[in-house]
Amino acid sequence: MPMCFKPFDMQSFNPKKNNNNYKCIQDIIIKCNIDKDYLVDIIQHTLADSLKLSVIGYNSVTQEFWAKKIIKNMYLLHFTLSIKTDGYKKSNIIISPSIGSEREIKHVINTISDIISLF
């Protein structure tokens, strides 16, 4: 099962000191009735405009988006997002958090779900 680190201060973080720095979390899957190519555009704009992330990018080799949220040396959120075709005009959005609190991760899921429901 994948691990997700809790938010931390980048200057004082030491993963060897505390065992409670992480939690096990499963990938989040959002199913939708939108074609993958169209969905890529929607996700790109959602990440850039709606979530107030510090940095976003797209890895063309793995075909994954990645995003980070860092405020005043606090590493609050880091996740990857991929889109898989699941039939004709159906797709699955797969979110894999690496760093984040429950609140931050739920905010990402709710924002993406809300945007998807508009289409």
N, C-alpha and C. Protein backbone atom coordinates (compact mmCIF):
# COMPACT_ATOMS: atom_id res chain seq x y z
N MET A 1 0.84 -1.17 0.00
CA MET A 1 0.00 0.00 0.00
C MET A 1 0.90 1.25 0.00
N PRO A 2 0.59 2.24 -0.85
CA PRO A 2 1.42 3.45 -0.92
C PRO A 2 1.38 4.25 0.38
N MET A 3 2.47 4.99 0.60
CA MET A 3 2.59 5.83 1.80
C MET A 3 2.39 7.28 1.42
N CYS A 4 1.86 8.04 2.35
CA CYS A 4 1.65 9.47 2.17
C CYS A 4 2.21 10.17 3.40
N PHE A 5 3.20 11.02 3.20
CA PHE A 5 3.76 11.78 4.31
C PHE A 5 2.79 12.87 4.74
N LYS A 6 2.78 13.17 6.02
CA LYS A 6 2.00 14.28 6.54
C LYS A 6 2.75 15.57 6.20
N PRO A 7 2.06 16.71 6.12
CA PRO A 7 2.74 17.98 5.83
C PRO A 7 3.87 18.22 6.84
N PHE A 8 4.94 18.89 6.35
CA PHE A 8 6.10 19.10 7.21
C PHE A 8 6.83 20.38 6.83
N ASP A 9 7.63 20.86 7.79
CA ASP A 9 8.50 22.01 7.57
C ASP A 9 9.76 21.50 6.88
N MET A 10 10.06 22.05 5.71
CA MET A 10 11.18 21.55 4.91
C MET A 10 12.54 21.77 5.59
N GLN A 11 12.66 22.75 6.46
CA GLN A 11 13.93 23.04 7.10
C GLN A 11 14.22 22.09 8.26
N SER A 12 13.21 21.57 8.91
CA SER A 12 13.45 20.74 10.08
C SER A 12 12.99 19.29 9.92
N PHE A 13 12.62 18.89 8.73
CA PHE A 13 12.10 17.54 8.51
C PHE A 13 13.21 16.50 8.63
N ASN A 14 12.95 15.47 9.43
CA ASN A 14 13.87 14.34 9.57
C ASN A 14 13.03 13.07 9.66
N PRO A 15 12.92 12.31 8.56
CA PRO A 15 12.04 11.14 8.56
C PRO A 15 12.50 10.04 9.51
N LYS A 16 13.75 10.05 9.92
CA LYS A 16 14.25 9.01 10.82
C LYS A 16 13.88 9.26 12.27
N LYS A 17 13.56 10.49 12.63
CA LYS A 17 13.26 10.84 14.02
C LYS A 17 11.89 10.36 14.47
N ASN A 18 10.91 10.43 13.61
CA ASN A 18 9.54 10.19 14.04
C ASN A 18 8.84 9.20 13.11
N ASN A 19 8.29 8.15 13.67
CA ASN A 19 7.60 7.14 12.86
C ASN A 19 6.21 7.59 12.42
N ASN A 20 5.70 8.65 13.02
CA ASN A 20 4.35 9.10 12.73
C ASN A 20 4.28 10.14 11.62
N ASN A 21 5.32 10.22 10.79
CA ASN A 21 5.36 11.21 9.72
C ASN A 21 4.53 10.80 8.50
N TYR A 22 4.06 9.59 8.46
CA TYR A 22 3.39 9.11 7.27
C TYR A 22 2.18 8.25 7.64
N LYS A 23 1.37 8.02 6.62
CA LYS A 23 0.22 7.14 6.77
C LYS A 23 0.08 6.34 5.48
N CYS A 24 -0.57 5.21 5.55
CA CYS A 24 -0.85 4.42 4.36
C CYS A 24 -2.14 4.96 3.74
N ILE A 25 -2.12 5.08 2.43
CA ILE A 25 -3.29 5.62 1.74
C ILE A 25 -3.40 4.96 0.36
N GLN A 26 -4.61 4.68 -0.04
CA GLN A 26 -4.83 4.10 -1.36
C GLN A 26 -5.00 5.21 -2.38
N ASP A 27 -4.71 4.89 -3.64
CA ASP A 27 -4.96 5.84 -4.71
C ASP A 27 -6.45 6.16 -4.74
N ILE A 28 -6.76 7.40 -5.09
CA ILE A 28 -8.14 7.84 -5.19
C ILE A 28 -8.54 7.77 -6.66
N ILE A 29 -9.68 7.15 -6.94
CA ILE A 29 -10.14 7.01 -8.32
C ILE A 29 -11.47 7.74 -8.47
N ILE A 30 -11.51 8.64 -9.45
CA ILE A 30 -12.74 9.36 -9.77
C ILE A 30 -13.17 8.91 -11.16
N LYS A 31 -14.34 8.30 -11.25
CA LYS A 31 -14.86 7.82 -12.53
C LYS A 31 -15.69 8.92 -13.17
N CYS A 32 -15.54 9.07 -14.49
CA CYS A 32 -16.33 10.10 -15.16
C CYS A 32 -16.65 9.69 -16.60
N ASN A 33 -17.68 10.30 -17.14
CA ASN A 33 -18.13 10.02 -18.50
C ASN A 33 -17.63 11.09 -19.46
N ILE A 34 -16.34 11.27 -19.47
CA ILE A 34 -15.71 12.27 -20.33
C ILE A 34 -14.52 11.62 -21.02
N ASP A 35 -14.34 11.91 -22.29
CA ASP A 35 -13.23 11.38 -23.06
C ASP A 35 -11.89 11.83 -22.47
N LYS A 36 -10.90 10.96 -22.48
CA LYS A 36 -9.60 11.25 -21.87
C LYS A 36 -8.96 12.51 -22.43
N ASP A 37 -8.97 12.69 -23.74
CA ASP A 37 -8.33 13.86 -24.35
C ASP A 37 -8.97 15.16 -23.89
N TYR A 38 -10.26 15.19 -23.78
CA TYR A 38 -10.98 16.37 -23.29
C TYR A 38 -10.71 16.58 -21.81
N LEU A 39 -10.64 15.49 -21.08
CA LEU A 39 -10.42 15.54 -19.64
C LEU A 39 -9.03 16.09 -19.30
N VAL A 40 -8.04 15.81 -20.12
CA VAL A 40 -6.69 16.34 -19.89
C VAL A 40 -6.73 17.86 -19.86
N ASP A 41 -7.45 18.47 -20.79
CA ASP A 41 -7.57 19.94 -20.81
C ASP A 41 -8.28 20.46 -19.56
N ILE A 42 -9.34 19.78 -19.16
CA ILE A 42 -10.09 20.20 -17.97
C ILE A 42 -9.20 20.13 -16.73
N ILE A 43 -8.47 19.03 -16.58
CA ILE A 43 -7.60 18.84 -15.41
C ILE A 43 -6.49 19.88 -15.40
N GLN A 44 -5.92 20.15 -16.54
CA GLN A 44 -4.84 21.13 -16.62
C GLN A 44 -5.31 22.50 -16.11
N HIS A 45 -6.47 22.92 -16.55
CA HIS A 45 -7.01 24.21 -16.12
C HIS A 45 -7.42 24.18 -14.64
N THR A 46 -7.96 23.07 -14.19
CA THR A 46 -8.35 22.94 -12.79
C THR A 46 -7.14 23.05 -11.88
N LEU A 47 -6.06 22.35 -12.22
CA LEU A 47 -4.85 22.40 -11.40
C LEU A 47 -4.26 23.80 -11.39
N ALA A 48 -4.27 24.44 -12.54
CA ALA A 48 -3.65 25.76 -12.64
C ALA A 48 -4.47 26.86 -11.99
N ASP A 49 -5.79 26.79 -12.10
CA ASP A 49 -6.63 27.90 -11.67
C ASP A 49 -7.34 27.70 -10.33
N SER A 50 -7.83 26.53 -10.06
CA SER A 50 -8.75 26.35 -8.94
C SER A 50 -8.11 25.91 -7.63
N LEU A 51 -6.96 25.26 -7.67
CA LEU A 51 -6.43 24.65 -6.46
C LEU A 51 -5.34 25.45 -5.76
N LYS A 52 -4.91 26.55 -6.34
CA LYS A 52 -3.88 27.41 -5.73
C LYS A 52 -2.63 26.63 -5.36
N LEU A 53 -2.12 25.87 -6.30
CA LEU A 53 -0.91 25.08 -6.09
C LEU A 53 0.33 25.90 -6.40
N SER A 54 1.44 25.55 -5.77
CA SER A 54 2.68 26.29 -5.99
C SER A 54 3.30 25.95 -7.34
N VAL A 55 3.32 24.66 -7.66
CA VAL A 55 3.96 24.20 -8.89
C VAL A 55 3.14 23.05 -9.46
N ILE A 56 2.94 23.06 -10.78
CA ILE A 56 2.31 21.93 -11.45
C ILE A 56 3.13 21.60 -12.68
N GLY A 57 3.00 20.36 -13.13
CA GLY A 57 3.71 19.95 -14.32
C GLY A 57 3.06 18.73 -14.94
N TYR A 58 3.58 18.35 -16.09
CA TYR A 58 3.08 17.18 -16.79
C TYR A 58 4.27 16.38 -17.27
N ASN A 59 4.34 15.12 -16.89
CA ASN A 59 5.39 14.22 -17.33
C ASN A 59 4.88 13.49 -18.58
N SER A 60 5.40 13.84 -19.74
CA SER A 60 4.90 13.27 -20.99
C SER A 60 5.30 11.80 -21.16
N VAL A 61 6.32 11.35 -20.47
CA VAL A 61 6.73 9.94 -20.56
C VAL A 61 5.72 9.05 -19.84
N THR A 62 5.37 9.42 -18.61
CA THR A 62 4.41 8.62 -17.84
C THR A 62 2.97 9.08 -18.03
N GLN A 63 2.79 10.19 -18.72
CA GLN A 63 1.48 10.80 -18.95
C GLN A 63 0.76 11.07 -17.64
N GLU A 64 1.50 11.71 -16.71
CA GLU A 64 0.96 12.06 -15.40
C GLU A 64 1.14 13.54 -15.14
N PHE A 65 0.14 14.12 -14.50
CA PHE A 65 0.30 15.46 -13.94
C PHE A 65 0.93 15.28 -12.57
N TRP A 66 1.64 16.29 -12.11
CA TRP A 66 2.12 16.31 -10.73
C TRP A 66 1.93 17.72 -10.20
N ALA A 67 1.75 17.84 -8.91
CA ALA A 67 1.50 19.15 -8.32
C ALA A 67 2.04 19.20 -6.91
N LYS A 68 2.47 20.41 -6.51
CA LYS A 68 2.98 20.65 -5.16
C LYS A 68 2.36 21.92 -4.61
N LYS A 69 2.18 21.93 -3.31
CA LYS A 69 1.73 23.13 -2.61
C LYS A 69 2.68 23.36 -1.45
N ILE A 70 3.43 24.46 -1.53
CA ILE A 70 4.40 24.82 -0.50
C ILE A 70 4.14 26.27 -0.10
N ILE A 71 3.97 26.49 1.20
CA ILE A 71 3.74 27.84 1.71
C ILE A 71 4.68 28.06 2.89
N LYS A 72 5.55 29.07 2.77
CA LYS A 72 6.49 29.44 3.84
C LYS A 72 7.25 28.24 4.38
N ASN A 73 7.92 27.50 3.52
CA ASN A 73 8.72 26.32 3.87
C ASN A 73 7.91 25.15 4.41
N MET A 74 6.59 25.24 4.40
CA MET A 74 5.76 24.10 4.79
C MET A 74 5.34 23.37 3.52
N TYR A 75 5.76 22.12 3.45
CA TYR A 75 5.41 21.27 2.31
C TYR A 75 4.05 20.67 2.62
N LEU A 76 2.99 21.23 2.05
CA LEU A 76 1.62 20.88 2.40
C LEU A 76 1.01 19.77 1.55
N LEU A 77 1.42 19.71 0.28
CA LEU A 77 0.75 18.78 -0.63
C LEU A 77 1.65 18.43 -1.80
N HIS A 78 1.64 17.16 -2.17
CA HIS A 78 2.31 16.69 -3.38
C HIS A 78 1.53 15.47 -3.85
N PHE A 79 1.13 15.50 -5.11
CA PHE A 79 0.40 14.35 -5.65
C PHE A 79 0.67 14.22 -7.14
N THR A 80 0.41 13.02 -7.64
CA THR A 80 0.41 12.80 -9.09
C THR A 80 -1.02 12.44 -9.48
N LEU A 81 -1.34 12.73 -10.72
CA LEU A 81 -2.68 12.49 -11.23
C LEU A 81 -2.55 11.93 -12.64
N SER A 82 -3.16 10.79 -12.87
CA SER A 82 -3.15 10.22 -14.22
C SER A 82 -4.59 9.97 -14.65
N ILE A 83 -4.77 9.91 -15.95
CA ILE A 83 -6.10 9.69 -16.53
C ILE A 83 -6.02 8.45 -17.41
N LYS A 84 -6.89 7.50 -17.13
CA LYS A 84 -6.92 6.24 -17.89
C LYS A 84 -8.26 6.11 -18.59
N THR A 85 -8.23 5.70 -19.84
CA THR A 85 -9.45 5.44 -20.60
C THR A 85 -10.13 4.20 -20.04
N ASP A 86 -11.46 4.26 -19.92
CA ASP A 86 -12.22 3.14 -19.38
C ASP A 86 -13.44 2.86 -20.27
N GLY A 87 -13.20 2.81 -21.56
CA GLY A 87 -14.30 2.58 -22.50
C GLY A 87 -14.57 3.82 -23.32
N TYR A 88 -15.61 3.74 -24.12
CA TYR A 88 -15.97 4.84 -25.00
C TYR A 88 -16.46 6.03 -24.18
N LYS A 89 -15.77 7.15 -24.31
CA LYS A 89 -16.08 8.40 -23.61
C LYS A 89 -16.20 8.21 -22.10
N LYS A 90 -15.38 7.32 -21.55
CA LYS A 90 -15.33 7.11 -20.11
C LYS A 90 -13.86 7.12 -19.68
N SER A 91 -13.61 7.70 -18.54
CA SER A 91 -12.24 7.79 -18.03
C SER A 91 -12.22 7.65 -16.52
N ASN A 92 -11.06 7.29 -16.02
CA ASN A 92 -10.81 7.26 -14.59
C ASN A 92 -9.68 8.22 -14.28
N ILE A 93 -9.89 9.08 -13.31
CA ILE A 93 -8.84 9.97 -12.83
C ILE A 93 -8.25 9.30 -11.60
N ILE A 94 -6.96 9.08 -11.60
CA ILE A 94 -6.29 8.40 -10.49
C ILE A 94 -5.35 9.39 -9.81
N ILE A 95 -5.64 9.69 -8.55
CA ILE A 95 -4.85 10.63 -7.77
C ILE A 95 -4.03 9.83 -6.76
N SER A 96 -2.71 10.05 -6.77
CA SER A 96 -1.80 9.36 -5.86
C SER A 96 -1.09 10.39 -4.98
N PRO A 97 -1.58 10.60 -3.76
CA PRO A 97 -0.95 11.58 -2.88
C PRO A 97 0.36 11.04 -2.31
N SER A 98 1.38 11.89 -2.26
CA SER A 98 2.67 11.54 -1.63
C SER A 98 2.84 12.30 -0.33
N ILE A 99 2.31 13.52 -0.29
CA ILE A 99 2.37 14.37 0.90
C ILE A 99 1.04 15.09 1.01
N GLY A 100 0.47 15.12 2.22
CA GLY A 100 -0.75 15.88 2.39
C GLY A 100 -1.55 15.46 3.59
N SER A 101 -2.29 16.42 4.11
CA SER A 101 -3.22 16.13 5.20
C SER A 101 -4.53 15.66 4.59
N GLU A 102 -5.38 15.08 5.43
CA GLU A 102 -6.70 14.65 4.97
C GLU A 102 -7.45 15.83 4.35
N ARG A 103 -7.36 16.99 4.99
CA ARG A 103 -8.07 18.19 4.52
C ARG A 103 -7.60 18.61 3.14
N GLU A 104 -6.29 18.65 2.93
CA GLU A 104 -5.74 19.07 1.63
C GLU A 104 -6.13 18.08 0.53
N ILE A 105 -6.04 16.81 0.84
CA ILE A 105 -6.35 15.77 -0.16
C ILE A 105 -7.84 15.81 -0.51
N LYS A 106 -8.69 15.96 0.50
CA LYS A 106 -10.14 16.06 0.25
C LYS A 106 -10.47 17.29 -0.58
N HIS A 107 -9.76 18.38 -0.33
CA HIS A 107 -9.99 19.61 -1.11
C HIS A 107 -9.68 19.37 -2.59
N VAL A 108 -8.60 18.66 -2.88
CA VAL A 108 -8.26 18.33 -4.27
C VAL A 108 -9.35 17.47 -4.89
N ILE A 109 -9.76 16.43 -4.18
CA ILE A 109 -10.79 15.51 -4.70
C ILE A 109 -12.10 16.25 -4.94
N ASN A 110 -12.52 17.05 -3.97
CA ASN A 110 -13.80 17.77 -4.10
C ASN A 110 -13.75 18.79 -5.24
N THR A 111 -12.64 19.50 -5.38
CA THR A 111 -12.51 20.48 -6.45
C THR A 111 -12.57 19.82 -7.82
N ILE A 112 -11.83 18.74 -7.98
CA ILE A 112 -11.83 18.03 -9.27
C ILE A 112 -13.21 17.44 -9.53
N SER A 113 -13.83 16.84 -8.53
CA SER A 113 -15.17 16.27 -8.70
C SER A 113 -16.19 17.34 -9.08
N ASP A 114 -16.12 18.49 -8.43
CA ASP A 114 -17.04 19.57 -8.75
C ASP A 114 -16.87 20.06 -10.18
N ILE A 115 -15.64 20.24 -10.62
CA ILE A 115 -15.38 20.68 -12.00
C ILE A 115 -15.87 19.63 -12.99
N ILE A 116 -15.61 18.37 -12.72
CA ILE A 116 -16.03 17.28 -13.61
C ILE A 116 -17.55 17.24 -13.72
N SER A 117 -18.24 17.46 -12.60
CA SER A 117 -19.71 17.38 -12.62
C SER A 117 -20.33 18.47 -13.50
N LEU A 118 -19.59 19.57 -13.72
CA LEU A 118 -20.09 20.63 -14.60
C LEU A 118 -20.11 20.22 -16.06
N PHE A 119 -19.28 19.23 -16.39
CA PHE A 119 -19.20 18.78 -17.78
C PHE A 119 -20.04 17.53 -17.96
